[in-house]
mmCIF file of all heavy atoms, coordinates in Angstrom:
data_MODEL
# 
_entry.id   MODEL 
# 
loop_
_atom_site.group_PDB 
_atom_site.id 
_atom_site.type_symbol 
_atom_site.label_atom_id 
_atom_site.label_alt_id 
_atom_site.label_comp_id 
_atom_site.label_asym_id 
_atom_site.label_entity_id 
_atom_site.label_seq_id 
_atom_site.pdbx_PDB_ins_code 
_atom_site.Cartn_x 
_atom_site.Cartn_y 
_atom_site.Cartn_z 
_atom_site.occupancy 
_atom_site.B_iso_or_equiv 
_atom_site.pdbx_formal_charge 
_atom_site.auth_seq_id 
_atom_site.auth_comp_id 
_atom_site.auth_asym_id 
_atom_site.auth_atom_id 
_atom_site.pdbx_PDB_model_num 
ATOM 1   N N   . VAL A 1 1  ? -29.820 34.973 -12.150 1.00 0.00 ? 1  VAL A N   1 
ATOM 2   C CA  . VAL A 1 1  ? -30.880 34.756 -11.140 1.00 0.00 ? 1  VAL A CA  1 
ATOM 3   C C   . VAL A 1 1  ? -30.562 33.624 -10.208 1.00 0.00 ? 1  VAL A C   1 
ATOM 4   O O   . VAL A 1 1  ? -31.400 33.124 -9.443  1.00 0.00 ? 1  VAL A O   1 
ATOM 5   C CB  . VAL A 1 1  ? -32.227 34.430 -11.869 1.00 0.00 ? 1  VAL A CB  1 
ATOM 6   C CG1 . VAL A 1 1  ? -32.706 35.606 -12.628 1.00 0.00 ? 1  VAL A CG1 1 
ATOM 7   C CG2 . VAL A 1 1  ? -32.108 33.206 -12.746 1.00 0.00 ? 1  VAL A CG2 1 
ATOM 8   N N   . HIS A 1 2  ? -29.283 33.184 -10.145 1.00 0.00 ? 2  HIS A N   1 
ATOM 9   C CA  . HIS A 1 2  ? -28.973 32.024 -9.324  1.00 0.00 ? 2  HIS A CA  1 
ATOM 10  C C   . HIS A 1 2  ? -28.010 32.322 -8.197  1.00 0.00 ? 2  HIS A C   1 
ATOM 11  O O   . HIS A 1 2  ? -28.340 32.071 -7.011  1.00 0.00 ? 2  HIS A O   1 
ATOM 12  C CB  . HIS A 1 2  ? -28.368 30.923 -10.208 1.00 0.00 ? 2  HIS A CB  1 
ATOM 13  C CG  . HIS A 1 2  ? -29.348 30.416 -11.254 1.00 0.00 ? 2  HIS A CG  1 
ATOM 14  N ND1 . HIS A 1 2  ? -30.564 29.802 -10.961 1.00 0.00 ? 2  HIS A ND1 1 
ATOM 15  C CD2 . HIS A 1 2  ? -29.272 30.461 -12.624 1.00 0.00 ? 2  HIS A CD2 1 
ATOM 16  C CE1 . HIS A 1 2  ? -31.146 29.500 -12.070 1.00 0.00 ? 2  HIS A CE1 1 
ATOM 17  N NE2 . HIS A 1 2  ? -30.410 29.914 -13.071 1.00 0.00 ? 2  HIS A NE2 1 
ATOM 18  N N   . ASP A 1 3  ? -26.817 32.811 -8.475  1.00 0.00 ? 3  ASP A N   1 
ATOM 19  C CA  . ASP A 1 3  ? -25.835 32.991 -7.373  1.00 0.00 ? 3  ASP A CA  1 
ATOM 20  C C   . ASP A 1 3  ? -24.885 34.120 -7.678  1.00 0.00 ? 3  ASP A C   1 
ATOM 21  O O   . ASP A 1 3  ? -25.042 34.765 -8.760  1.00 0.00 ? 3  ASP A O   1 
ATOM 22  C CB  . ASP A 1 3  ? -25.061 31.680 -7.116  1.00 0.00 ? 3  ASP A CB  1 
ATOM 23  C CG  . ASP A 1 3  ? -24.272 31.186 -8.329  1.00 0.00 ? 3  ASP A CG  1 
ATOM 24  O OD1 . ASP A 1 3  ? -24.213 31.932 -9.348  1.00 0.00 ? 3  ASP A OD1 1 
ATOM 25  O OD2 . ASP A 1 3  ? -23.784 30.020 -8.307  1.00 0.00 ? 3  ASP A OD2 1 
ATOM 26  N N   . VAL A 1 4  ? -23.954 34.350 -6.848  1.00 0.00 ? 4  VAL A N   1 
ATOM 27  C CA  . VAL A 1 4  ? -22.972 35.447 -6.991  1.00 0.00 ? 4  VAL A CA  1 
ATOM 28  C C   . VAL A 1 4  ? -21.609 34.836 -6.857  1.00 0.00 ? 4  VAL A C   1 
ATOM 29  O O   . VAL A 1 4  ? -21.341 33.996 -5.992  1.00 0.00 ? 4  VAL A O   1 
ATOM 30  C CB  . VAL A 1 4  ? -23.183 36.479 -5.910  1.00 0.00 ? 4  VAL A CB  1 
ATOM 31  C CG1 . VAL A 1 4  ? -22.150 37.665 -6.086  1.00 0.00 ? 4  VAL A CG1 1 
ATOM 32  C CG2 . VAL A 1 4  ? -24.580 37.075 -5.908  1.00 0.00 ? 4  VAL A CG2 1 
ATOM 33  N N   . ASP A 1 5  ? -20.701 35.248 -7.748  1.00 0.00 ? 5  ASP A N   1 
ATOM 34  C CA  . ASP A 1 5  ? -19.311 34.713 -7.761  1.00 0.00 ? 5  ASP A CA  1 
ATOM 35  C C   . ASP A 1 5  ? -18.307 35.856 -7.511  1.00 0.00 ? 5  ASP A C   1 
ATOM 36  O O   . ASP A 1 5  ? -18.400 36.933 -8.096  1.00 0.00 ? 5  ASP A O   1 
ATOM 37  C CB  . ASP A 1 5  ? -19.010 34.033 -9.108  1.00 0.00 ? 5  ASP A CB  1 
ATOM 38  C CG  . ASP A 1 5  ? -19.910 32.875 -9.393  1.00 0.00 ? 5  ASP A CG  1 
ATOM 39  O OD1 . ASP A 1 5  ? -20.271 32.162 -8.439  1.00 0.00 ? 5  ASP A OD1 1 
ATOM 40  O OD2 . ASP A 1 5  ? -20.184 32.622 -10.585 1.00 0.00 ? 5  ASP A OD2 1 
ATOM 41  N N   . PHE A 1 6  ? -17.279 35.543 -6.639  1.00 0.00 ? 6  PHE A N   1 
ATOM 42  C CA  . PHE A 1 6  ? -16.190 36.408 -6.487  1.00 0.00 ? 6  PHE A CA  1 
ATOM 43  C C   . PHE A 1 6  ? -14.925 35.621 -6.701  1.00 0.00 ? 6  PHE A C   1 
ATOM 44  O O   . PHE A 1 6  ? -14.772 34.463 -6.345  1.00 0.00 ? 6  PHE A O   1 
ATOM 45  C CB  . PHE A 1 6  ? -16.165 36.979 -5.068  1.00 0.00 ? 6  PHE A CB  1 
ATOM 46  C CG  . PHE A 1 6  ? -17.244 37.999 -4.775  1.00 0.00 ? 6  PHE A CG  1 
ATOM 47  C CD1 . PHE A 1 6  ? -18.442 37.682 -4.332  1.00 0.00 ? 6  PHE A CD1 1 
ATOM 48  C CD2 . PHE A 1 6  ? -16.971 39.352 -5.036  1.00 0.00 ? 6  PHE A CD2 1 
ATOM 49  C CE1 . PHE A 1 6  ? -19.456 38.610 -4.095  1.00 0.00 ? 6  PHE A CE1 1 
ATOM 50  C CE2 . PHE A 1 6  ? -17.957 40.330 -4.836  1.00 0.00 ? 6  PHE A CE2 1 
ATOM 51  C CZ  . PHE A 1 6  ? -19.191 39.941 -4.333  1.00 0.00 ? 6  PHE A CZ  1 
ATOM 52  N N   . MET A 1 7  ? -13.935 36.274 -7.332  1.00 0.00 ? 7  MET A N   1 
ATOM 53  C CA  . MET A 1 7  ? -12.639 35.667 -7.662  1.00 0.00 ? 7  MET A CA  1 
ATOM 54  C C   . MET A 1 7  ? -11.625 36.167 -6.577  1.00 0.00 ? 7  MET A C   1 
ATOM 55  O O   . MET A 1 7  ? -11.435 37.401 -6.407  1.00 0.00 ? 7  MET A O   1 
ATOM 56  C CB  . MET A 1 7  ? -12.167 36.046 -9.043  1.00 0.00 ? 7  MET A CB  1 
ATOM 57  C CG  . MET A 1 7  ? -13.232 36.064 -10.098 1.00 0.00 ? 7  MET A CG  1 
ATOM 58  S SD  . MET A 1 7  ? -14.030 34.421 -10.298 1.00 0.00 ? 7  MET A SD  1 
ATOM 59  C CE  . MET A 1 7  ? -12.699 33.487 -11.047 1.00 0.00 ? 7  MET A CE  1 
ATOM 60  N N   . LEU A 1 8  ? -10.949 35.196 -5.935  1.00 0.00 ? 8  LEU A N   1 
ATOM 61  C CA  . LEU A 1 8  ? -9.934  35.514 -4.927  1.00 0.00 ? 8  LEU A CA  1 
ATOM 62  C C   . LEU A 1 8  ? -8.746  34.576 -5.125  1.00 0.00 ? 8  LEU A C   1 
ATOM 63  O O   . LEU A 1 8  ? -8.833  33.473 -5.681  1.00 0.00 ? 8  LEU A O   1 
ATOM 64  C CB  . LEU A 1 8  ? -10.485 35.268 -3.510  1.00 0.00 ? 8  LEU A CB  1 
ATOM 65  C CG  . LEU A 1 8  ? -11.541 36.203 -2.975  1.00 0.00 ? 8  LEU A CG  1 
ATOM 66  C CD1 . LEU A 1 8  ? -12.932 35.690 -3.354  1.00 0.00 ? 8  LEU A CD1 1 
ATOM 67  C CD2 . LEU A 1 8  ? -11.460 36.330 -1.461  1.00 0.00 ? 8  LEU A CD2 1 
ATOM 68  N N   . ARG A 1 9  ? -7.596  35.051 -4.625  1.00 0.00 ? 9  ARG A N   1 
ATOM 69  C CA  . ARG A 1 9  ? -6.406  34.155 -4.548  1.00 0.00 ? 9  ARG A CA  1 
ATOM 70  C C   . ARG A 1 9  ? -6.684  33.091 -3.499  1.00 0.00 ? 9  ARG A C   1 
ATOM 71  O O   . ARG A 1 9  ? -7.315  33.357 -2.478  1.00 0.00 ? 9  ARG A O   1 
ATOM 72  C CB  . ARG A 1 9  ? -5.184  34.967 -4.245  1.00 0.00 ? 9  ARG A CB  1 
ATOM 73  C CG  . ARG A 1 9  ? -4.781  35.990 -5.347  1.00 0.00 ? 9  ARG A CG  1 
ATOM 74  C CD  . ARG A 1 9  ? -3.588  36.807 -4.878  1.00 0.00 ? 9  ARG A CD  1 
ATOM 75  N NE  . ARG A 1 9  ? -3.838  37.512 -3.656  1.00 0.00 ? 9  ARG A NE  1 
ATOM 76  C CZ  . ARG A 1 9  ? -3.023  38.372 -3.098  1.00 0.00 ? 9  ARG A CZ  1 
ATOM 77  N NH1 . ARG A 1 9  ? -1.916  38.691 -3.759  1.00 0.00 ? 9  ARG A NH1 1 
ATOM 78  N NH2 . ARG A 1 9  ? -3.278  38.955 -1.943  1.00 0.00 ? 9  ARG A NH2 1 
ATOM 79  N N   . GLU A 1 10 ? -6.162  31.937 -3.746  1.00 0.00 ? 10 GLU A N   1 
ATOM 80  C CA  . GLU A 1 10 ? -6.453  30.789 -2.833  1.00 0.00 ? 10 GLU A CA  1 
ATOM 81  C C   . GLU A 1 10 ? -5.946  31.128 -1.404  1.00 0.00 ? 10 GLU A C   1 
ATOM 82  O O   . GLU A 1 10 ? -6.594  30.788 -0.426  1.00 0.00 ? 10 GLU A O   1 
ATOM 83  C CB  . GLU A 1 10 ? -5.736  29.506 -3.296  1.00 0.00 ? 10 GLU A CB  1 
ATOM 84  C CG  . GLU A 1 10 ? -6.075  28.296 -2.533  1.00 0.00 ? 10 GLU A CG  1 
ATOM 85  C CD  . GLU A 1 10 ? -5.546  26.970 -3.110  1.00 0.00 ? 10 GLU A CD  1 
ATOM 86  O OE1 . GLU A 1 10 ? -4.720  27.103 -4.020  1.00 0.00 ? 10 GLU A OE1 1 
ATOM 87  O OE2 . GLU A 1 10 ? -6.005  25.895 -2.708  1.00 0.00 ? 10 GLU A OE2 1 
ATOM 88  N N   . ASP A 1 11 ? -4.765  31.794 -1.294  1.00 0.00 ? 11 ASP A N   1 
ATOM 89  C CA  . ASP A 1 11 ? -4.314  32.132 0.061   1.00 0.00 ? 11 ASP A CA  1 
ATOM 90  C C   . ASP A 1 11 ? -5.167  33.068 0.803   1.00 0.00 ? 11 ASP A C   1 
ATOM 91  O O   . ASP A 1 11 ? -5.105  33.168 2.069   1.00 0.00 ? 11 ASP A O   1 
ATOM 92  C CB  . ASP A 1 11 ? -2.913  32.717 -0.032  1.00 0.00 ? 11 ASP A CB  1 
ATOM 93  C CG  . ASP A 1 11 ? -1.825  31.684 -0.529  1.00 0.00 ? 11 ASP A CG  1 
ATOM 94  O OD1 . ASP A 1 11 ? -2.128  30.454 -0.449  1.00 0.00 ? 11 ASP A OD1 1 
ATOM 95  O OD2 . ASP A 1 11 ? -0.731  32.121 -0.933  1.00 0.00 ? 11 ASP A OD2 1 
ATOM 96  N N   . ASP A 1 12 ? -6.028  33.848 0.107   1.00 0.00 ? 12 ASP A N   1 
ATOM 97  C CA  . ASP A 1 12 ? -6.876  34.819 0.782   1.00 0.00 ? 12 ASP A CA  1 
ATOM 98  C C   . ASP A 1 12 ? -8.249  34.258 1.152   1.00 0.00 ? 12 ASP A C   1 
ATOM 99  O O   . ASP A 1 12 ? -9.006  34.914 1.881   1.00 0.00 ? 12 ASP A O   1 
ATOM 100 C CB  . ASP A 1 12 ? -7.069  36.045 -0.159  1.00 0.00 ? 12 ASP A CB  1 
ATOM 101 C CG  . ASP A 1 12 ? -5.831  36.829 -0.356  1.00 0.00 ? 12 ASP A CG  1 
ATOM 102 O OD1 . ASP A 1 12 ? -5.004  36.865 0.599   1.00 0.00 ? 12 ASP A OD1 1 
ATOM 103 O OD2 . ASP A 1 12 ? -5.680  37.432 -1.466  1.00 0.00 ? 12 ASP A OD2 1 
ATOM 104 N N   . VAL A 1 13 ? -8.549  33.065 0.681   1.00 0.00 ? 13 VAL A N   1 
ATOM 105 C CA  . VAL A 1 13 ? -9.906  32.535 0.911   1.00 0.00 ? 13 VAL A CA  1 
ATOM 106 C C   . VAL A 1 13 ? -10.161 32.278 2.380   1.00 0.00 ? 13 VAL A C   1 
ATOM 107 O O   . VAL A 1 13 ? -11.268 32.674 2.869   1.00 0.00 ? 13 VAL A O   1 
ATOM 108 C CB  . VAL A 1 13 ? -10.107 31.228 0.093   1.00 0.00 ? 13 VAL A CB  1 
ATOM 109 C CG1 . VAL A 1 13 ? -11.433 30.494 0.501   1.00 0.00 ? 13 VAL A CG1 1 
ATOM 110 C CG2 . VAL A 1 13 ? -10.155 31.601 -1.383  1.00 0.00 ? 13 VAL A CG2 1 
ATOM 111 N N   . PRO A 1 14 ? -9.234  31.663 3.195   1.00 0.00 ? 14 PRO A N   1 
ATOM 112 C CA  . PRO A 1 14 ? -9.617  31.429 4.617   1.00 0.00 ? 14 PRO A CA  1 
ATOM 113 C C   . PRO A 1 14 ? -9.957  32.692 5.341   1.00 0.00 ? 14 PRO A C   1 
ATOM 114 O O   . PRO A 1 14 ? -10.903 32.729 6.141   1.00 0.00 ? 14 PRO A O   1 
ATOM 115 C CB  . PRO A 1 14 ? -8.338  30.765 5.148   1.00 0.00 ? 14 PRO A CB  1 
ATOM 116 C CG  . PRO A 1 14 ? -7.694  30.119 3.953   1.00 0.00 ? 14 PRO A CG  1 
ATOM 117 C CD  . PRO A 1 14 ? -7.961  31.059 2.791   1.00 0.00 ? 14 PRO A CD  1 
ATOM 118 N N   . ARG A 1 15 ? -9.162  33.746 5.130   1.00 0.00 ? 15 ARG A N   1 
ATOM 119 C CA  . ARG A 1 15 ? -9.507  35.002 5.825   1.00 0.00 ? 15 ARG A CA  1 
ATOM 120 C C   . ARG A 1 15 ? -10.803 35.609 5.291   1.00 0.00 ? 15 ARG A C   1 
ATOM 121 O O   . ARG A 1 15 ? -11.556 36.197 6.091   1.00 0.00 ? 15 ARG A O   1 
ATOM 122 C CB  . ARG A 1 15 ? -8.318  36.037 5.600   1.00 0.00 ? 15 ARG A CB  1 
ATOM 123 C CG  . ARG A 1 15 ? -8.561  37.343 6.380   1.00 0.00 ? 15 ARG A CG  1 
ATOM 124 C CD  . ARG A 1 15 ? -7.321  38.119 6.566   1.00 0.00 ? 15 ARG A CD  1 
ATOM 125 N NE  . ARG A 1 15 ? -7.617  39.415 7.147   1.00 0.00 ? 15 ARG A NE  1 
ATOM 126 C CZ  . ARG A 1 15 ? -7.643  40.557 6.432   1.00 0.00 ? 15 ARG A CZ  1 
ATOM 127 N NH1 . ARG A 1 15 ? -7.354  40.557 5.139   1.00 0.00 ? 15 ARG A NH1 1 
ATOM 128 N NH2 . ARG A 1 15 ? -7.883  41.703 7.058   1.00 0.00 ? 15 ARG A NH2 1 
ATOM 129 N N   . ALA A 1 16 ? -11.066 35.460 4.036   1.00 0.00 ? 16 ALA A N   1 
ATOM 130 C CA  . ALA A 1 16 ? -12.338 35.985 3.467   1.00 0.00 ? 16 ALA A CA  1 
ATOM 131 C C   . ALA A 1 16 ? -13.504 35.240 4.158   1.00 0.00 ? 16 ALA A C   1 
ATOM 132 O O   . ALA A 1 16 ? -14.536 35.879 4.506   1.00 0.00 ? 16 ALA A O   1 
ATOM 133 C CB  . ALA A 1 16 ? -12.385 35.764 1.964   1.00 0.00 ? 16 ALA A CB  1 
ATOM 134 N N   . VAL A 1 17 ? -13.424 33.958 4.261   1.00 0.00 ? 17 VAL A N   1 
ATOM 135 C CA  . VAL A 1 17 ? -14.435 33.167 4.943   1.00 0.00 ? 17 VAL A CA  1 
ATOM 136 C C   . VAL A 1 17 ? -14.654 33.666 6.376   1.00 0.00 ? 17 VAL A C   1 
ATOM 137 O O   . VAL A 1 17 ? -15.769 33.756 6.863   1.00 0.00 ? 17 VAL A O   1 
ATOM 138 C CB  . VAL A 1 17 ? -14.181 31.674 4.877   1.00 0.00 ? 17 VAL A CB  1 
ATOM 139 C CG1 . VAL A 1 17 ? -15.134 30.867 5.769   1.00 0.00 ? 17 VAL A CG1 1 
ATOM 140 C CG2 . VAL A 1 17 ? -14.179 31.163 3.443   1.00 0.00 ? 17 VAL A CG2 1 
ATOM 141 N N   . GLU A 1 18 ? -13.509 33.922 7.056   1.00 0.00 ? 18 GLU A N   1 
ATOM 142 C CA  . GLU A 1 18 ? -13.612 34.363 8.418   1.00 0.00 ? 18 GLU A CA  1 
ATOM 143 C C   . GLU A 1 18 ? -14.331 35.688 8.575   1.00 0.00 ? 18 GLU A C   1 
ATOM 144 O O   . GLU A 1 18 ? -15.203 35.823 9.435   1.00 0.00 ? 18 GLU A O   1 
ATOM 145 C CB  . GLU A 1 18 ? -12.180 34.482 8.993   1.00 0.00 ? 18 GLU A CB  1 
ATOM 146 C CG  . GLU A 1 18 ? -12.157 34.974 10.459  1.00 0.00 ? 18 GLU A CG  1 
ATOM 147 C CD  . GLU A 1 18 ? -10.724 35.141 10.951  1.00 0.00 ? 18 GLU A CD  1 
ATOM 148 O OE1 . GLU A 1 18 ? -9.736  34.783 10.207  1.00 0.00 ? 18 GLU A OE1 1 
ATOM 149 O OE2 . GLU A 1 18 ? -10.584 35.591 12.138  1.00 0.00 ? 18 GLU A OE2 1 
ATOM 150 N N   . VAL A 1 19 ? -13.935 36.689 7.748   1.00 0.00 ? 19 VAL A N   1 
ATOM 151 C CA  . VAL A 1 19 ? -14.531 37.947 7.885   1.00 0.00 ? 19 VAL A CA  1 
ATOM 152 C C   . VAL A 1 19 ? -16.034 37.954 7.435   1.00 0.00 ? 19 VAL A C   1 
ATOM 153 O O   . VAL A 1 19 ? -16.868 38.641 8.023   1.00 0.00 ? 19 VAL A O   1 
ATOM 154 C CB  . VAL A 1 19 ? -13.799 39.077 7.068   1.00 0.00 ? 19 VAL A CB  1 
ATOM 155 C CG1 . VAL A 1 19 ? -12.361 39.176 7.628   1.00 0.00 ? 19 VAL A CG1 1 
ATOM 156 C CG2 . VAL A 1 19 ? -13.782 38.826 5.594   1.00 0.00 ? 19 VAL A CG2 1 
ATOM 157 N N   . LEU A 1 20 ? -16.344 37.122 6.469   1.00 0.00 ? 20 LEU A N   1 
ATOM 158 C CA  . LEU A 1 20 ? -17.726 37.032 6.020   1.00 0.00 ? 20 LEU A CA  1 
ATOM 159 C C   . LEU A 1 20 ? -18.571 36.342 7.087   1.00 0.00 ? 20 LEU A C   1 
ATOM 160 O O   . LEU A 1 20 ? -19.742 36.703 7.333   1.00 0.00 ? 20 LEU A O   1 
ATOM 161 C CB  . LEU A 1 20 ? -17.862 36.259 4.703   1.00 0.00 ? 20 LEU A CB  1 
ATOM 162 C CG  . LEU A 1 20 ? -17.224 37.044 3.483   1.00 0.00 ? 20 LEU A CG  1 
ATOM 163 C CD1 . LEU A 1 20 ? -17.225 36.129 2.256   1.00 0.00 ? 20 LEU A CD1 1 
ATOM 164 C CD2 . LEU A 1 20 ? -18.021 38.301 3.198   1.00 0.00 ? 20 LEU A CD2 1 
ATOM 165 N N   . ALA A 1 21 ? -18.007 35.333 7.740   1.00 0.00 ? 21 ALA A N   1 
ATOM 166 C CA  . ALA A 1 21 ? -18.739 34.638 8.834   1.00 0.00 ? 21 ALA A CA  1 
ATOM 167 C C   . ALA A 1 21 ? -18.954 35.627 9.971   1.00 0.00 ? 21 ALA A C   1 
ATOM 168 O O   . ALA A 1 21 ? -20.057 35.636 10.584  1.00 0.00 ? 21 ALA A O   1 
ATOM 169 C CB  . ALA A 1 21 ? -17.912 33.420 9.313   1.00 0.00 ? 21 ALA A CB  1 
ATOM 170 N N   . ASN A 1 22 ? -18.001 36.465 10.287  1.00 0.00 ? 22 ASN A N   1 
ATOM 171 C CA  . ASN A 1 22 ? -18.150 37.468 11.331  1.00 0.00 ? 22 ASN A CA  1 
ATOM 172 C C   . ASN A 1 22 ? -19.257 38.487 10.955  1.00 0.00 ? 22 ASN A C   1 
ATOM 173 O O   . ASN A 1 22 ? -19.851 39.144 11.823  1.00 0.00 ? 22 ASN A O   1 
ATOM 174 C CB  . ASN A 1 22 ? -16.844 38.185 11.607  1.00 0.00 ? 22 ASN A CB  1 
ATOM 175 C CG  . ASN A 1 22 ? -15.826 37.264 12.289  1.00 0.00 ? 22 ASN A CG  1 
ATOM 176 O OD1 . ASN A 1 22 ? -16.182 36.276 12.901  1.00 0.00 ? 22 ASN A OD1 1 
ATOM 177 N ND2 . ASN A 1 22 ? -14.536 37.592 12.085  1.00 0.00 ? 22 ASN A ND2 1 
ATOM 178 N N   . ALA A 1 23 ? -19.442 38.648 9.639   1.00 0.00 ? 23 ALA A N   1 
ATOM 179 C CA  . ALA A 1 23 ? -20.445 39.601 9.150   1.00 0.00 ? 23 ALA A CA  1 
ATOM 180 C C   . ALA A 1 23 ? -21.887 38.978 9.077   1.00 0.00 ? 23 ALA A C   1 
ATOM 181 O O   . ALA A 1 23 ? -22.801 39.611 8.642   1.00 0.00 ? 23 ALA A O   1 
ATOM 182 C CB  . ALA A 1 23 ? -20.052 40.158 7.804   1.00 0.00 ? 23 ALA A CB  1 
ATOM 183 N N   . GLY A 1 24 ? -21.944 37.689 9.450   1.00 0.00 ? 24 GLY A N   1 
ATOM 184 C CA  . GLY A 1 24 ? -23.266 37.057 9.492   1.00 0.00 ? 24 GLY A CA  1 
ATOM 185 C C   . GLY A 1 24 ? -23.531 36.022 8.367   1.00 0.00 ? 24 GLY A C   1 
ATOM 186 O O   . GLY A 1 24 ? -24.589 35.423 8.351   1.00 0.00 ? 24 GLY A O   1 
ATOM 187 N N   . LEU A 1 25 ? -22.593 35.841 7.502   1.00 0.00 ? 25 LEU A N   1 
ATOM 188 C CA  . LEU A 1 25 ? -22.788 34.837 6.414   1.00 0.00 ? 25 LEU A CA  1 
ATOM 189 C C   . LEU A 1 25 ? -22.459 33.466 6.959   1.00 0.00 ? 25 LEU A C   1 
ATOM 190 O O   . LEU A 1 25 ? -21.713 33.311 7.931   1.00 0.00 ? 25 LEU A O   1 
ATOM 191 C CB  . LEU A 1 25 ? -21.948 35.161 5.214   1.00 0.00 ? 25 LEU A CB  1 
ATOM 192 C CG  . LEU A 1 25 ? -22.545 36.262 4.280   1.00 0.00 ? 25 LEU A CG  1 
ATOM 193 C CD1 . LEU A 1 25 ? -22.329 37.645 4.848   1.00 0.00 ? 25 LEU A CD1 1 
ATOM 194 C CD2 . LEU A 1 25 ? -21.882 36.160 2.865   1.00 0.00 ? 25 LEU A CD2 1 
ATOM 195 N N   . ARG A 1 26 ? -22.947 32.436 6.298   1.00 0.00 ? 26 ARG A N   1 
ATOM 196 C CA  . ARG A 1 26 ? -22.823 31.043 6.787   1.00 0.00 ? 26 ARG A CA  1 
ATOM 197 C C   . ARG A 1 26 ? -21.948 30.230 5.852   1.00 0.00 ? 26 ARG A C   1 
ATOM 198 O O   . ARG A 1 26 ? -22.355 29.915 4.730   1.00 0.00 ? 26 ARG A O   1 
ATOM 199 C CB  . ARG A 1 26 ? -24.215 30.422 6.911   1.00 0.00 ? 26 ARG A CB  1 
ATOM 200 C CG  . ARG A 1 26 ? -24.220 28.961 7.294   1.00 0.00 ? 26 ARG A CG  1 
ATOM 201 C CD  . ARG A 1 26 ? -25.609 28.455 7.666   1.00 0.00 ? 26 ARG A CD  1 
ATOM 202 N NE  . ARG A 1 26 ? -26.528 28.809 6.579   1.00 0.00 ? 26 ARG A NE  1 
ATOM 203 C CZ  . ARG A 1 26 ? -26.817 27.976 5.547   1.00 0.00 ? 26 ARG A CZ  1 
ATOM 204 N NH1 . ARG A 1 26 ? -26.181 26.846 5.463   1.00 0.00 ? 26 ARG A NH1 1 
ATOM 205 N NH2 . ARG A 1 26 ? -27.677 28.331 4.628   1.00 0.00 ? 26 ARG A NH2 1 
ATOM 206 N N   . PRO A 1 27 ? -20.713 29.848 6.258   1.00 0.00 ? 27 PRO A N   1 
ATOM 207 C CA  . PRO A 1 27 ? -19.862 29.034 5.369   1.00 0.00 ? 27 PRO A CA  1 
ATOM 208 C C   . PRO A 1 27 ? -20.424 27.625 5.333   1.00 0.00 ? 27 PRO A C   1 
ATOM 209 O O   . PRO A 1 27 ? -20.972 27.102 6.337   1.00 0.00 ? 27 PRO A O   1 
ATOM 210 C CB  . PRO A 1 27 ? -18.495 29.068 6.099   1.00 0.00 ? 27 PRO A CB  1 
ATOM 211 C CG  . PRO A 1 27 ? -18.556 30.228 7.032   1.00 0.00 ? 27 PRO A CG  1 
ATOM 212 C CD  . PRO A 1 27 ? -19.969 30.338 7.451   1.00 0.00 ? 27 PRO A CD  1 
ATOM 213 N N   . VAL A 1 28 ? -20.218 26.913 4.209   1.00 0.00 ? 28 VAL A N   1 
ATOM 214 C CA  . VAL A 1 28 ? -20.639 25.532 4.061   1.00 0.00 ? 28 VAL A CA  1 
ATOM 215 C C   . VAL A 1 28 ? -19.484 24.751 3.463   1.00 0.00 ? 28 VAL A C   1 
ATOM 216 O O   . VAL A 1 28 ? -18.715 25.312 2.690   1.00 0.00 ? 28 VAL A O   1 
ATOM 217 C CB  . VAL A 1 28 ? -21.917 25.384 3.221   1.00 0.00 ? 28 VAL A CB  1 
ATOM 218 C CG1 . VAL A 1 28 ? -23.092 26.063 3.896   1.00 0.00 ? 28 VAL A CG1 1 
ATOM 219 C CG2 . VAL A 1 28 ? -21.681 25.931 1.810   1.00 0.00 ? 28 VAL A CG2 1 
# 
């Protein structure tokens, strides 16, 4: 009931943040 977790390789995180931000999510 708290949050959602996804496992990614560290090298893929910056691109993941970019595409999620483009989809309307807010990085912090």
